[in-house]
């Protein structure tokens, strides 16, 4: 199931609109970086690979630049609150981008 989810997310990330957003807004800051998203209350560890032309999701990498960890609810509430300090304090960031 996890592999199927990753496959579907990568299909969305490979759409022309997603690639354009990446090229216009993200590439200059994160190109060639790998960010691990670790959800503490589940066994899920996902890697966002920011490549030259696109971003993709994977489960394996030999290099991790940053690890972002927290509970699933912390991530969800942080996203829905627009980056509230209340929820950001429950998310840990280790590394440097």
PDB file of N, CA and C in Angstrom:
ATOM      1  N   UNK A   1       0.822  -1.195   0.000  1.00  0.00           N
ATOM      2  CA  UNK A   1       0.000   0.000   0.000  1.00  0.00           C
ATOM      3  C   UNK A   1       0.869   1.264   0.000  1.00  0.00           C
ATOM      4  N   UNK A   2       1.926   1.261   0.825  1.00  0.00           N
ATOM      5  CA  UNK A   2       2.807   2.419   0.910  1.00  0.00           C
ATOM      6  C   UNK A   2       3.435   2.724  -0.451  1.00  0.00           C
ATOM      7  N   UNK A   3       3.870   1.691  -1.155  1.00  0.00           N
ATOM      8  CA  UNK A   3       4.466   1.887  -2.473  1.00  0.00           C
ATOM      9  C   UNK A   3       3.465   2.467  -3.464  1.00  0.00           C
ATOM     10  N   UNK A   4       2.217   2.053  -3.349  1.00  0.00           N
ATOM     11  CA  UNK A   4       1.174   2.568  -4.238  1.00  0.00           C
ATOM     12  C   UNK A   4       0.910   4.050  -3.963  1.00  0.00           C
ATOM     13  N   UNK A   5       0.899   4.430  -2.694  1.00  0.00           N
ATOM     14  CA  UNK A   5       0.706   5.836  -2.325  1.00  0.00           C
ATOM     15  C   UNK A   5       1.857   6.677  -2.874  1.00  0.00           C
ATOM     16  N   UNK A   6       3.080   6.199  -2.700  1.00  0.00           N
ATOM     17  CA  UNK A   6       4.244   6.924  -3.206  1.00  0.00           C
ATOM     18  C   UNK A   6       4.166   7.067  -4.722  1.00  0.00           C
ATOM     19  N   UNK A   7       3.756   6.006  -5.391  1.00  0.00           N
ATOM     20  CA  UNK A   7       3.614   6.056  -6.851  1.00  0.00           C
ATOM     21  C   UNK A   7       2.597   7.118  -7.268  1.00  0.00           C
ATOM     22  N   UNK A   8       1.447   7.163  -6.595  1.00  0.00           N
ATOM     23  CA  UNK A   8       0.400   8.143  -6.937  1.00  0.00           C
ATOM     24  C   UNK A   8       0.855   9.574  -6.640  1.00  0.00           C
ATOM     25  N   UNK A   9       1.524   9.772  -5.510  1.00  0.00           N
ATOM     26  CA  UNK A   9       2.019  11.113  -5.176  1.00  0.00           C
ATOM     27  C   UNK A   9       3.042  11.560  -6.213  1.00  0.00           C
ATOM     28  N   UNK A  10       3.920  10.660  -6.621  1.00  0.00           N
ATOM     29  CA  UNK A  10       4.915  11.011  -7.638  1.00  0.00           C
ATOM     30  C   UNK A  10       4.270  11.336  -8.980  1.00  0.00           C
ATOM     31  N   UNK A  11       3.160  10.680  -9.296  1.00  0.00           N
ATOM     32  CA  UNK A  11       2.440  11.023 -10.528  1.00  0.00           C
ATOM     33  C   UNK A  11       1.942  12.463 -10.461  1.00  0.00           C
ATOM     34  N   UNK A  12       1.408  12.865  -9.314  1.00  0.00           N
ATOM     35  CA  UNK A  12       0.949  14.249  -9.137  1.00  0.00           C
ATOM     36  C   UNK A  12       2.132  15.211  -9.199  1.00  0.00           C
ATOM     37  N   UNK A  13       3.228  14.856  -8.543  1.00  0.00           N
ATOM     38  CA  UNK A  13       4.407  15.725  -8.547  1.00  0.00           C
ATOM     39  C   UNK A  13       5.041  15.845  -9.922  1.00  0.00           C
ATOM     40  N   UNK A  14       4.757  14.896 -10.790  1.00  0.00           N
ATOM     41  CA  UNK A  14       5.317  14.910 -12.137  1.00  0.00           C
ATOM     42  C   UNK A  14       4.425  15.642 -13.140  1.00  0.00           C
ATOM     43  N   UNK A  15       3.257  16.096 -12.716  1.00  0.00           N
ATOM     44  CA  UNK A  15       2.388  16.867 -13.599  1.00  0.00           C
ATOM     45  C   UNK A  15       3.058  18.191 -13.968  1.00  0.00           C
ATOM     46  N   UNK A  16       2.728  18.688 -15.135  1.00  0.00           N
ATOM     47  CA  UNK A  16       3.344  19.926 -15.618  1.00  0.00           C
ATOM     48  C   UNK A  16       3.160  21.074 -14.620  1.00  0.00           C
ATOM     49  N   UNK A  17       1.977  21.201 -14.025  1.00  0.00           N
ATOM     50  CA  UNK A  17       1.729  22.271 -13.056  1.00  0.00           C
ATOM     51  C   UNK A  17       2.655  22.133 -11.844  1.00  0.00           C
ATOM     52  N   UNK A  18       2.794  20.922 -11.325  1.00  0.00           N
ATOM     53  CA  UNK A  18       3.685  20.694 -10.179  1.00  0.00           C
ATOM     54  C   UNK A  18       5.128  21.023 -10.529  1.00  0.00           C
ATOM     55  N   UNK A  19       5.547  20.621 -11.705  1.00  0.00           N
ATOM     56  CA  UNK A  19       6.921  20.897 -12.132  1.00  0.00           C
ATOM     57  C   UNK A  19       7.155  22.398 -12.291  1.00  0.00           C
ATOM     58  N   UNK A  20       6.153  23.112 -12.809  1.00  0.00           N
ATOM     59  CA  UNK A  20       6.279  24.561 -12.990  1.00  0.00           C
ATOM     60  C   UNK A  20       6.371  25.267 -11.633  1.00  0.00           C
ATOM     61  N   UNK A  21       5.529  24.850 -10.688  1.00  0.00           N
ATOM     62  CA  UNK A  21       5.588  25.437  -9.348  1.00  0.00           C
ATOM     63  C   UNK A  21       6.959  25.202  -8.735  1.00  0.00           C
ATOM     64  N   UNK A  22       7.477  23.989  -8.896  1.00  0.00           N
ATOM     65  CA  UNK A  22       8.803  23.678  -8.375  1.00  0.00           C
ATOM     66  C   UNK A  22       9.865  24.563  -9.015  1.00  0.00           C
ATOM     67  N   UNK A  23       9.831  24.680 -10.344  1.00  0.00           N
ATOM     68  CA  UNK A  23      10.818  25.482 -11.061  1.00  0.00           C
ATOM     69  C   UNK A  23      10.748  26.954 -10.659  1.00  0.00           C
ATOM     70  N   UNK A  24       9.526  27.483 -10.490  1.00  0.00           N
ATOM     71  CA  UNK A  24       9.347  28.913 -10.229  1.00  0.00           C
ATOM     72  C   UNK A  24       9.576  29.321  -8.775  1.00  0.00           C
ATOM     73  N   UNK A  25       9.275  28.431  -7.827  1.00  0.00           N
ATOM     74  CA  UNK A  25       9.268  28.863  -6.435  1.00  0.00           C
ATOM     75  C   UNK A  25      10.192  28.088  -5.488  1.00  0.00           C
ATOM     76  N   UNK A  26      10.578  26.886  -5.838  1.00  0.00           N
ATOM     77  CA  UNK A  26      11.291  26.046  -4.878  1.00  0.00           C
ATOM     78  C   UNK A  26      12.714  25.725  -5.301  1.00  0.00           C
ATOM     79  N   UNK A  27      12.944  25.546  -6.575  1.00  0.00           N
ATOM     80  CA  UNK A  27      14.204  25.013  -7.073  1.00  0.00           C
ATOM     81  C   UNK A  27      15.436  25.754  -6.555  1.00  0.00           C
ATOM     82  N   UNK A  28      15.403  27.059  -6.550  1.00  0.00           N
ATOM     83  CA  UNK A  28      16.598  27.817  -6.175  1.00  0.00           C
ATOM     84  C   UNK A  28      17.019  27.577  -4.726  1.00  0.00           C
ATOM     85  N   UNK A  29      16.072  27.197  -3.865  1.00  0.00           N
ATOM     86  CA  UNK A  29      16.388  27.008  -2.453  1.00  0.00           C
ATOM     87  C   UNK A  29      16.673  25.558  -2.080  1.00  0.00           C
ATOM     88  N   UNK A  30      16.081  24.612  -2.817  1.00  0.00           N
ATOM     89  CA  UNK A  30      16.169  23.220  -2.380  1.00  0.00           C
ATOM     90  C   UNK A  30      16.745  22.256  -3.410  1.00  0.00           C
ATOM     91  N   UNK A  31      17.237  22.740  -4.519  1.00  0.00           N
ATOM     92  CA  UNK A  31      17.751  21.847  -5.562  1.00  0.00           C
ATOM     93  C   UNK A  31      18.822  20.917  -4.997  1.00  0.00           C
ATOM     94  N   UNK A  32      18.719  19.655  -5.342  1.00  0.00           N
ATOM     95  CA  UNK A  32      19.671  18.606  -4.957  1.00  0.00           C
ATOM     96  C   UNK A  32      19.709  18.339  -3.455  1.00  0.00           C
ATOM     97  N   UNK A  33      18.612  18.594  -2.767  1.00  0.00           N
ATOM     98  CA  UNK A  33      18.510  18.320  -1.332  1.00  0.00           C
ATOM     99  C   UNK A  33      17.550  17.154  -1.103  1.00  0.00           C
ATOM    100  N   UNK A  34      17.731  16.477   0.014  1.00  0.00           N
ATOM    101  CA  UNK A  34      16.838  15.392   0.419  1.00  0.00           C
ATOM    102  C   UNK A  34      16.323  15.718   1.821  1.00  0.00           C
ATOM    103  N   UNK A  35      14.999  15.739   1.958  1.00  0.00           N
ATOM    104  CA  UNK A  35      14.375  16.032   3.240  1.00  0.00           C
ATOM    105  C   UNK A  35      13.579  14.815   3.692  1.00  0.00           C
ATOM    106  N   UNK A  36      13.871  14.342   4.887  1.00  0.00           N
ATOM    107  CA  UNK A  36      13.117  13.219   5.453  1.00  0.00           C
ATOM    108  C   UNK A  36      11.967  13.769   6.280  1.00  0.00           C
ATOM    109  N   UNK A  37      10.763  13.291   6.000  1.00  0.00           N
ATOM    110  CA  UNK A  37       9.594  13.591   6.816  1.00  0.00           C
ATOM    111  C   UNK A  37       9.306  12.355   7.650  1.00  0.00           C
ATOM    112  N   UNK A  38       9.406  12.497   8.952  1.00  0.00           N
ATOM    113  CA  UNK A  38       9.217  11.368   9.849  1.00  0.00           C
ATOM    114  C   UNK A  38       8.004  11.641  10.728  1.00  0.00           C
ATOM    115  N   UNK A  39       7.002  10.764  10.624  1.00  0.00           N
ATOM    116  CA  UNK A  39       5.793  10.900  11.421  1.00  0.00           C
ATOM    117  C   UNK A  39       5.954   9.994  12.640  1.00  0.00           C
ATOM    118  N   UNK A  40       6.115  10.600  13.805  1.00  0.00           N
ATOM    119  CA  UNK A  40       6.497   9.879  15.014  1.00  0.00           C
ATOM    120  C   UNK A  40       5.479   8.844  15.476  1.00  0.00           C
ATOM    121  N   UNK A  41       4.192   9.105  15.264  1.00  0.00           N
ATOM    122  CA  UNK A  41       3.193   8.164  15.752  1.00  0.00           C
ATOM    123  C   UNK A  41       2.810   7.106  14.720  1.00  0.00           C
ATOM    124  N   UNK A  42       3.668   6.904  13.739  1.00  0.00           N
ATOM    125  CA  UNK A  42       3.485   5.836  12.752  1.00  0.00           C
ATOM    126  C   UNK A  42       4.860   5.434  12.228  1.00  0.00           C
ATOM    127  N   UNK A  43       4.932   4.309  11.545  1.00  0.00           N
ATOM    128  CA  UNK A  43       6.233   3.876  11.019  1.00  0.00           C
ATOM    129  C   UNK A  43       6.607   4.562   9.701  1.00  0.00           C
ATOM    130  N   UNK A  44       5.919   5.642   9.360  1.00  0.00           N
ATOM    131  CA  UNK A  44       6.119   6.287   8.069  1.00  0.00           C
ATOM    132  C   UNK A  44       7.333   7.213   8.097  1.00  0.00           C
ATOM    133  N   UNK A  45       8.246   6.988   7.180  1.00  0.00           N
ATOM    134  CA  UNK A  45       9.375   7.879   6.920  1.00  0.00           C
ATOM    135  C   UNK A  45       9.427   8.083   5.412  1.00  0.00           C
ATOM    136  N   UNK A  46       9.208   9.301   4.978  1.00  0.00           N
ATOM    137  CA  UNK A  46       9.209   9.608   3.554  1.00  0.00           C
ATOM    138  C   UNK A  46      10.344  10.566   3.238  1.00  0.00           C
ATOM    139  N   UNK A  47      10.884  10.434   2.060  1.00  0.00           N
ATOM    140  CA  UNK A  47      11.967  11.303   1.626  1.00  0.00           C
ATOM    141  C   UNK A  47      11.513  12.127   0.438  1.00  0.00           C
ATOM    142  N   UNK A  48      11.664  13.426   0.551  1.00  0.00           N
ATOM    143  CA  UNK A  48      11.411  14.332  -0.564  1.00  0.00           C
ATOM    144  C   UNK A  48      12.748  14.610  -1.230  1.00  0.00           C
ATOM    145  N   UNK A  49      12.875  14.190  -2.465  1.00  0.00           N
ATOM    146  CA  UNK A  49      14.104  14.397  -3.233  1.00  0.00           C
ATOM    147  C   UNK A  49      13.891  15.569  -4.181  1.00  0.00           C
ATOM    148  N   UNK A  50      14.582  16.653  -3.925  1.00  0.00           N
ATOM    149  CA  UNK A  50      14.489  17.836  -4.766  1.00  0.00           C
ATOM    150  C   UNK A  50      15.595  17.745  -5.804  1.00  0.00           C
ATOM    151  N   UNK A  51      15.211  17.385  -7.017  1.00  0.00           N
ATOM    152  CA  UNK A  51      16.165  17.200  -8.102  1.00  0.00           C
ATOM    153  C   UNK A  51      16.264  18.476  -8.928  1.00  0.00           C
ATOM    154  N   UNK A  52      17.022  18.426 -10.010  1.00  0.00           N
ATOM    155  CA  UNK A  52      17.187  19.608 -10.853  1.00  0.00           C
ATOM    156  C   UNK A  52      15.877  20.070 -11.482  1.00  0.00           C
ATOM    157  N   UNK A  53      15.081  19.128 -11.959  1.00  0.00           N
ATOM    158  CA  UNK A  53      13.879  19.493 -12.712  1.00  0.00           C
ATOM    159  C   UNK A  53      12.577  19.232 -11.985  1.00  0.00           C
ATOM    160  N   UNK A  54      12.601  18.456 -10.915  1.00  0.00           N
ATOM    161  CA  UNK A  54      11.354  18.105 -10.237  1.00  0.00           C
ATOM    162  C   UNK A  54      11.630  17.631  -8.821  1.00  0.00           C
ATOM    163  N   UNK A  55      10.554  17.434  -8.080  1.00  0.00           N
ATOM    164  CA  UNK A  55      10.627  16.850  -6.746  1.00  0.00           C
ATOM    165  C   UNK A  55       9.914  15.505  -6.804  1.00  0.00           C
ATOM    166  N   UNK A  56      10.451  14.525  -6.093  1.00  0.00           N
ATOM    167  CA  UNK A  56       9.796  13.219  -6.044  1.00  0.00           C
ATOM    168  C   UNK A  56       9.871  12.663  -4.633  1.00  0.00           C
ATOM    169  N   UNK A  57       8.982  11.741  -4.356  1.00  0.00           N
ATOM    170  CA  UNK A  57       8.874  11.102  -3.058  1.00  0.00           C
ATOM    171  C   UNK A  57       9.488   9.718  -3.139  1.00  0.00           C
ATOM    172  N   UNK A  58      10.239   9.319  -2.105  1.00  0.00           N
ATOM    173  CA  UNK A  58      10.815   7.980  -2.083  1.00  0.00           C
ATOM    174  C   UNK A  58      10.916   7.496  -0.637  1.00  0.00           C
ATOM    175  N   UNK A  59      11.410   6.281  -0.484  1.00  0.00           N
ATOM    176  CA  UNK A  59      11.593   5.730   0.859  1.00  0.00           C
ATOM    177  C   UNK A  59      13.046   5.388   1.142  1.00  0.00           C
ATOM    178  N   UNK A  60      13.935   5.694   0.197  1.00  0.00           N
ATOM    179  CA  UNK A  60      15.328   5.289   0.367  1.00  0.00           C
ATOM    180  C   UNK A  60      16.262   6.347  -0.220  1.00  0.00           C
ATOM    181  N   UNK A  61      17.306   6.676   0.533  1.00  0.00           N
ATOM    182  CA  UNK A  61      18.323   7.599   0.050  1.00  0.00           C
ATOM    183  C   UNK A  61      19.584   7.390   0.874  1.00  0.00           C
ATOM    184  N   UNK A  62      20.720   7.600   0.251  1.00  0.00           N
ATOM    185  CA  UNK A  62      21.974   7.461   0.990  1.00  0.00           C
ATOM    186  C   UNK A  62      22.418   8.794   1.591  1.00  0.00           C
ATOM    187  N   UNK A  63      21.671   9.860   1.326  1.00  0.00           N
ATOM    188  CA  UNK A  63      22.027  11.188   1.824  1.00  0.00           C
ATOM    189  C   UNK A  63      20.752  11.894   2.277  1.00  0.00           C
ATOM    190  N   UNK A  64      20.753  12.389   3.512  1.00  0.00           N
ATOM    191  CA  UNK A  64      19.624  13.162   4.016  1.00  0.00           C
ATOM    192  C   UNK A  64      20.178  14.483   4.528  1.00  0.00           C
ATOM    193  N   UNK A  65      19.661  15.580   3.983  1.00  0.00           N
ATOM    194  CA  UNK A  65      20.136  16.906   4.390  1.00  0.00           C
ATOM    195  C   UNK A  65      19.406  17.423   5.627  1.00  0.00           C
ATOM    196  N   UNK A  66      18.110  17.126   5.718  1.00  0.00           N
ATOM    197  CA  UNK A  66      17.288  17.630   6.813  1.00  0.00           C
ATOM    198  C   UNK A  66      16.287  16.554   7.214  1.00  0.00           C
ATOM    199  N   UNK A  67      16.042  16.428   8.509  1.00  0.00           N
ATOM    200  CA  UNK A  67      14.976  15.562   9.003  1.00  0.00           C
ATOM    201  C   UNK A  67      13.954  16.430   9.713  1.00  0.00           C
ATOM    202  N   UNK A  68      12.699  16.291   9.299  1.00  0.00           N
ATOM    203  CA  UNK A  68      11.588  17.007   9.925  1.00  0.00           C
ATOM    204  C   UNK A  68      10.701  15.947  10.551  1.00  0.00           C
ATOM    205  N   UNK A  69      10.496  16.036  11.873  1.00  0.00           N
ATOM    206  CA  UNK A  69       9.716  15.013  12.556  1.00  0.00           C
ATOM    207  C   UNK A  69       8.673  15.645  13.466  1.00  0.00           C
ATOM    208  N   UNK A  70       7.610  14.900  13.649  1.00  0.00           N
ATOM    209  CA  UNK A  70       6.527  15.335  14.518  1.00  0.00           C
ATOM    210  C   UNK A  70       5.371  14.369  14.406  1.00  0.00           C
ATOM    211  N   UNK A  71       4.354  14.596  15.203  1.00  0.00           N
ATOM    212  CA  UNK A  71       3.173  13.738  15.130  1.00  0.00           C
ATOM    213  C   UNK A  71       2.345  14.139  13.905  1.00  0.00           C
ATOM    214  N   UNK A  72       1.533  13.207  13.453  1.00  0.00           N
ATOM    215  CA  UNK A  72       0.677  13.487  12.295  1.00  0.00           C
ATOM    216  C   UNK A  72      -0.242  14.668  12.583  1.00  0.00           C
ATOM    217  N   UNK A  73      -0.809  14.735  13.780  1.00  0.00           N
ATOM    218  CA  UNK A  73      -1.701  15.851  14.106  1.00  0.00           C
ATOM    219  C   UNK A  73      -0.957  17.183  14.118  1.00  0.00           C
ATOM    220  N   UNK A  74       0.279  17.193  14.570  1.00  0.00           N
ATOM    221  CA  UNK A  74       1.065  18.434  14.558  1.00  0.00           C
ATOM    222  C   UNK A  74       1.274  18.931  13.127  1.00  0.00           C
ATOM    223  N   UNK A  75       1.614  18.001  12.216  1.00  0.00           N
ATOM    224  CA  UNK A  75       1.792  18.384  10.816  1.00  0.00           C
ATOM    225  C   UNK A  75       0.485  18.915  10.215  1.00  0.00           C
ATOM    226  N   UNK A  76      -0.606  18.211  10.482  1.00  0.00           N
ATOM    227  CA  UNK A  76      -1.899  18.615   9.910  1.00  0.00           C
ATOM    228  C   UNK A  76      -2.326  19.972  10.446  1.00  0.00           C
ATOM    229  N   UNK A  77      -2.280  20.154  11.769  1.00  0.00           N
ATOM    230  CA  UNK A  77      -2.697  21.428  12.347  1.00  0.00           C
ATOM    231  C   UNK A  77      -1.764  22.566  11.948  1.00  0.00           C
ATOM    232  N   UNK A  78      -0.488  22.282  11.811  1.00  0.00           N
ATOM    233  CA  UNK A  78       0.449  23.307  11.344  1.00  0.00           C
ATOM    234  C   UNK A  78       0.077  23.758   9.934  1.00  0.00           C
ATOM    235  N   UNK A  79      -0.212  22.798   9.054  1.00  0.00           N
ATOM    236  CA  UNK A  79      -0.581  23.140   7.673  1.00  0.00           C
ATOM    237  C   UNK A  79      -1.890  23.915   7.618  1.00  0.00           C
ATOM    238  N   UNK A  80      -2.893  23.460   8.359  1.00  0.00           N
ATOM    239  CA  UNK A  80      -4.196  24.122   8.324  1.00  0.00           C
ATOM    240  C   UNK A  80      -4.185  25.480   9.006  1.00  0.00           C
ATOM    241  N   UNK A  81      -3.284  25.699   9.942  1.00  0.00           N
ATOM    242  CA  UNK A  81      -3.240  26.980  10.652  1.00  0.00           C
ATOM    243  C   UNK A  81      -2.402  28.021   9.923  1.00  0.00           C
ATOM    244  N   UNK A  82      -1.794  27.632   8.820  1.00  0.00           N
ATOM    245  CA  UNK A  82      -0.962  28.574   8.077  1.00  0.00           C
ATOM    246  C   UNK A  82       0.389  28.809   8.730  1.00  0.00           C
ATOM    247  N   UNK A  83       0.852  27.860   9.523  1.00  0.00           N
ATOM    248  CA  UNK A  83       2.182  27.977  10.120  1.00  0.00           C
ATOM    249  C   UNK A  83       2.166  28.543  11.520  1.00  0.00           C
ATOM    250  N   UNK A  84       1.162  28.225  12.291  1.00  0.00           N
ATOM    251  CA  UNK A  84       1.037  28.727  13.656  1.00  0.00           C
ATOM    252  C   UNK A  84       2.213  28.304  14.534  1.00  0.00           C
ATOM    253  N   UNK A  85       2.711  29.234  15.365  1.00  0.00           N
ATOM    254  CA  UNK A  85       3.796  28.938  16.303  1.00  0.00           C
ATOM    255  C   UNK A  85       3.400  27.859  17.306  1.00  0.00           C
ATOM    256  N   UNK A  86       2.109  27.799  17.638  1.00  0.00           N
ATOM    257  CA  UNK A  86       1.632  26.798  18.577  1.00  0.00           C
ATOM    258  C   UNK A  86       1.948  25.389  18.082  1.00  0.00           C
ATOM    259  N   UNK A  87       1.759  25.141  16.795  1.00  0.00           N
ATOM    260  CA  UNK A  87       1.996  23.805  16.252  1.00  0.00           C
ATOM    261  C   UNK A  87       3.430  23.626  15.760  1.00  0.00           C
ATOM    262  N   UNK A  88       4.077  24.690  15.360  1.00  0.00           N
ATOM    263  CA  UNK A  88       5.459  24.560  14.892  1.00  0.00           C
ATOM    264  C   UNK A  88       6.387  24.142  16.033  1.00  0.00           C
ATOM    265  N   UNK A  89       6.038  24.478  17.248  1.00  0.00           N
ATOM    266  CA  UNK A  89       6.871  24.101  18.390  1.00  0.00           C
ATOM    267  C   UNK A  89       6.851  22.595  18.630  1.00  0.00           C
ATOM    268  N   UNK A  90       5.896  21.900  18.045  1.00  0.00           N
ATOM    269  CA  UNK A  90       5.794  20.450  18.202  1.00  0.00           C
ATOM    270  C   UNK A  90       6.423  19.694  17.040  1.00  0.00           C
ATOM    271  N   UNK A  91       7.037  20.419  16.116  1.00  0.00           N
ATOM    272  CA  UNK A  91       7.707  19.814  14.967  1.00  0.00           C
ATOM    273  C   UNK A  91       9.201  20.083  15.102  1.00  0.00           C
ATOM    274  N   UNK A  92      10.004  19.026  15.007  1.00  0.00           N
ATOM    275  CA  UNK A  92      11.462  19.150  15.145  1.00  0.00           C
ATOM    276  C   UNK A  92      12.132  19.138  13.786  1.00  0.00           C
ATOM    277  N   UNK A  93      13.106  20.024  13.622  1.00  0.00           N
ATOM    278  CA  UNK A  93      13.874  20.097  12.383  1.00  0.00           C
ATOM    279  C   UNK A  93      15.355  19.929  12.742  1.00  0.00           C
ATOM    280  N   UNK A  94      15.983  18.935  12.112  1.00  0.00           N
ATOM    281  CA  UNK A  94      17.403  18.672  12.337  1.00  0.00           C
ATOM    282  C   UNK A  94      18.127  18.709  11.008  1.00  0.00           C
ATOM    283  N   UNK A  95      19.189  19.459  10.926  1.00  0.00           N
ATOM    284  CA  UNK A  95      19.960  19.557   9.704  1.00  0.00           C
ATOM    285  C   UNK A  95      19.969  20.974   9.177  1.00  0.00           C
ATOM    286  N   UNK A  96      20.476  21.119   7.967  1.00  0.00           N
ATOM    287  CA  UNK A  96      20.617  22.448   7.391  1.00  0.00           C
ATOM    288  C   UNK A  96      20.348  22.395   5.893  1.00  0.00           C
ATOM    289  N   UNK A  97      19.501  23.293   5.444  1.00  0.00           N
ATOM    290  CA  UNK A  97      19.231  23.406   4.009  1.00  0.00           C
ATOM    291  C   UNK A  97      19.637  24.796   3.566  1.00  0.00           C
TER     292      UNK A  97
END
